[in-house]
């Protein structure tokens, strides 16, 4: 049986042309790069969550009730599975860093906008313009 290669497709995520896997040529959406596959998976997951909005609702209450009926379960599990704890701690660190970067971006954005306003100051009198700019910078830096 002689199969011809499927026609090349353009990846919607990176824009590169790729030859789809022969058995999934009709349904394959992205190239085989890890970044593109991750983006496609995230898109598919968002679509699934939109189609099934209530899937995870009420789950926390069930888990909480189960844990109450088994006191000390999580403490024993974490003590027995150190790699789980290490992975969990790494996740916490990443989430904290991400939040910190996000807050820093907001502060930097505010700072940049204030500087842009100061730069936009223009006066017919050069001396007055410079004085206004210096005063604006002093106010900005002093808080």
Protein backbone atom coordinates (compact mmCIF):
# COMPACT_ATOMS: atom_id res chain seq x y z
CA UNK A 1 0.00 0.00 0.00
CA UNK A 2 1.59 3.24 -1.13
CA UNK A 3 0.53 6.31 0.84
CA UNK A 4 1.42 9.77 -0.33
CA UNK A 5 2.48 12.39 2.18
CA UNK A 6 -0.28 14.79 3.25
CA UNK A 7 -0.17 18.35 2.00
CA UNK A 8 1.73 20.81 4.14
CA UNK A 9 -0.22 23.02 6.51
CA UNK A 10 0.57 26.32 8.17
CA UNK A 11 0.73 26.30 11.97
CA UNK A 12 -1.72 28.90 13.36
CA UNK A 13 0.54 29.54 16.36
CA UNK A 14 4.03 30.03 14.89
CA UNK A 15 3.14 30.47 11.20
CA UNK A 16 5.64 27.85 9.99
CA UNK A 17 4.72 25.21 7.43
CA UNK A 18 4.73 21.60 8.62
CA UNK A 19 3.88 18.16 7.26
CA UNK A 20 1.11 16.64 9.41
CA UNK A 21 1.39 13.17 10.88
CA UNK A 22 -0.02 10.86 8.22
CA UNK A 23 -2.66 9.23 10.45
CA UNK A 24 -3.95 12.53 11.82
CA UNK A 25 -3.49 14.72 8.74
CA UNK A 26 -7.12 15.84 8.64
CA UNK A 27 -7.42 16.75 12.32
CA UNK A 28 -3.89 17.92 13.28
CA UNK A 29 -4.04 21.63 14.03
CA UNK A 30 -0.49 22.64 14.91
CA UNK A 31 3.10 21.73 14.23
CA UNK A 32 5.06 19.48 16.57
CA UNK A 33 6.91 22.27 18.43
CA UNK A 34 6.30 22.07 22.17
CA UNK A 35 5.27 25.73 22.38
CA UNK A 36 2.66 25.37 19.64
CA UNK A 37 1.28 22.14 21.12
CA UNK A 38 0.99 23.84 24.51
CA UNK A 39 -0.90 26.77 23.00
CA UNK A 40 -3.27 24.42 21.17
CA UNK A 41 -3.87 22.41 24.35
CA UNK A 42 -4.59 25.59 26.30
CA UNK A 43 -7.06 26.71 23.61
CA UNK A 44 -8.77 23.30 23.64
CA UNK A 45 -8.96 23.35 27.44
CA UNK A 46 -10.53 26.82 27.42
CA UNK A 47 -13.11 25.64 24.90
CA UNK A 48 -13.86 22.56 27.03
CA UNK A 49 -14.23 24.68 30.17
CA UNK A 50 -16.60 27.02 28.31
CA UNK A 51 -18.68 24.04 27.18
CA UNK A 52 -18.65 22.44 30.68
CA UNK A 53 -18.75 25.34 33.15
CA UNK A 54 -20.21 23.37 36.06
CA UNK A 55 -17.87 20.38 35.89
CA UNK A 56 -15.72 21.36 38.88
CA UNK A 57 -18.43 23.16 40.90
CA UNK A 58 -19.14 21.63 44.28
CA UNK A 59 -15.96 19.56 44.20
CA UNK A 60 -14.22 21.50 46.98
CA UNK A 61 -17.06 20.83 49.44
CA UNK A 62 -16.84 17.07 48.79
CA UNK A 63 -13.08 17.03 49.25
CA UNK A 64 -13.30 19.13 52.41
CA UNK A 65 -15.91 16.77 53.88
CA UNK A 66 -13.76 13.75 52.98
CA UNK A 67 -10.70 15.31 54.66
CA UNK A 68 -12.66 16.12 57.82
CA UNK A 69 -13.62 12.46 58.11
CA UNK A 70 -9.90 11.49 57.84
CA UNK A 71 -7.96 13.77 60.21
CA UNK A 72 -4.20 13.86 59.65
CA UNK A 73 -4.43 12.35 56.16
CA UNK A 74 -2.75 15.25 54.35
CA UNK A 75 0.00 15.60 56.95
CA UNK A 76 0.84 11.88 56.68
CA UNK A 77 0.67 11.98 52.87
CA UNK A 78 3.03 14.95 52.65
CA UNK A 79 5.46 13.33 55.11
CA UNK A 80 5.49 10.11 53.09
CA UNK A 81 5.75 11.85 49.68
CA UNK A 82 8.53 14.40 49.92
CA UNK A 83 8.66 14.93 46.15
CA UNK A 84 5.00 16.01 46.25
CA UNK A 85 5.82 18.58 48.91
CA UNK A 86 8.82 19.84 46.95
CA UNK A 87 6.72 20.18 43.79
CA UNK A 88 3.93 21.90 45.73
CA UNK A 89 6.39 24.36 47.30
CA UNK A 90 7.92 25.09 43.89
CA UNK A 91 4.43 25.85 42.58
CA UNK A 92 3.79 28.22 45.47
CA UNK A 93 7.09 29.99 44.79
CA UNK A 94 6.25 30.41 41.11
CA UNK A 95 2.79 31.78 41.87
CA UNK A 96 4.23 34.26 44.38
CA UNK A 97 6.89 35.41 41.89
CA UNK A 98 4.26 35.80 39.18
CA UNK A 99 2.08 37.92 41.47
CA UNK A 100 5.09 40.00 42.46
CA UNK A 101 6.04 40.61 38.80
CA UNK A 102 2.45 41.55 37.98
CA UNK A 103 2.35 44.11 40.80
CA UNK A 104 5.75 45.46 39.71
CA UNK A 105 4.48 45.84 36.14
CA UNK A 106 1.55 47.91 37.39
CA UNK A 107 3.88 50.16 39.39
CA UNK A 108 6.30 50.50 36.46
CA UNK A 109 3.41 51.37 34.15
CA UNK A 110 2.21 54.11 36.47
CA UNK A 111 5.75 55.44 36.76
CA UNK A 112 6.22 55.46 32.96
CA UNK A 113 2.93 57.31 32.43
CA UNK A 114 3.93 59.99 34.93
CA UNK A 115 7.29 60.41 33.19
CA UNK A 116 5.53 60.66 29.81
CA UNK A 117 3.35 63.47 31.18
CA UNK A 118 6.44 65.29 32.43
CA UNK A 119 8.17 64.92 29.05
CA UNK A 120 5.09 66.27 27.29
CA UNK A 121 5.35 69.58 29.15
CA UNK A 122 6.15 72.33 26.70
CA UNK A 123 6.28 76.05 27.21
CA UNK A 124 7.11 79.04 25.08
CA UNK A 125 9.59 80.11 27.75
CA UNK A 126 12.39 77.50 27.92
CA UNK A 127 13.24 78.39 31.51
CA UNK A 128 9.65 77.88 32.69
CA UNK A 129 9.43 74.56 30.82
CA UNK A 130 12.61 73.27 32.44
CA UNK A 131 11.41 74.41 35.86
CA UNK A 132 8.09 72.61 35.43
CA UNK A 133 9.86 69.42 34.30
CA UNK A 134 12.30 69.48 37.22
CA UNK A 135 9.46 70.13 39.67
CA UNK A 136 7.51 67.23 38.17
CA UNK A 137 10.51 64.90 38.53
CA UNK A 138 11.13 66.00 42.11
CA UNK A 139 7.48 65.40 43.00
CA UNK A 140 7.56 62.02 41.27
CA UNK A 141 10.71 60.85 43.03
CA UNK A 142 9.68 62.17 46.44
CA UNK A 143 6.43 60.21 46.35
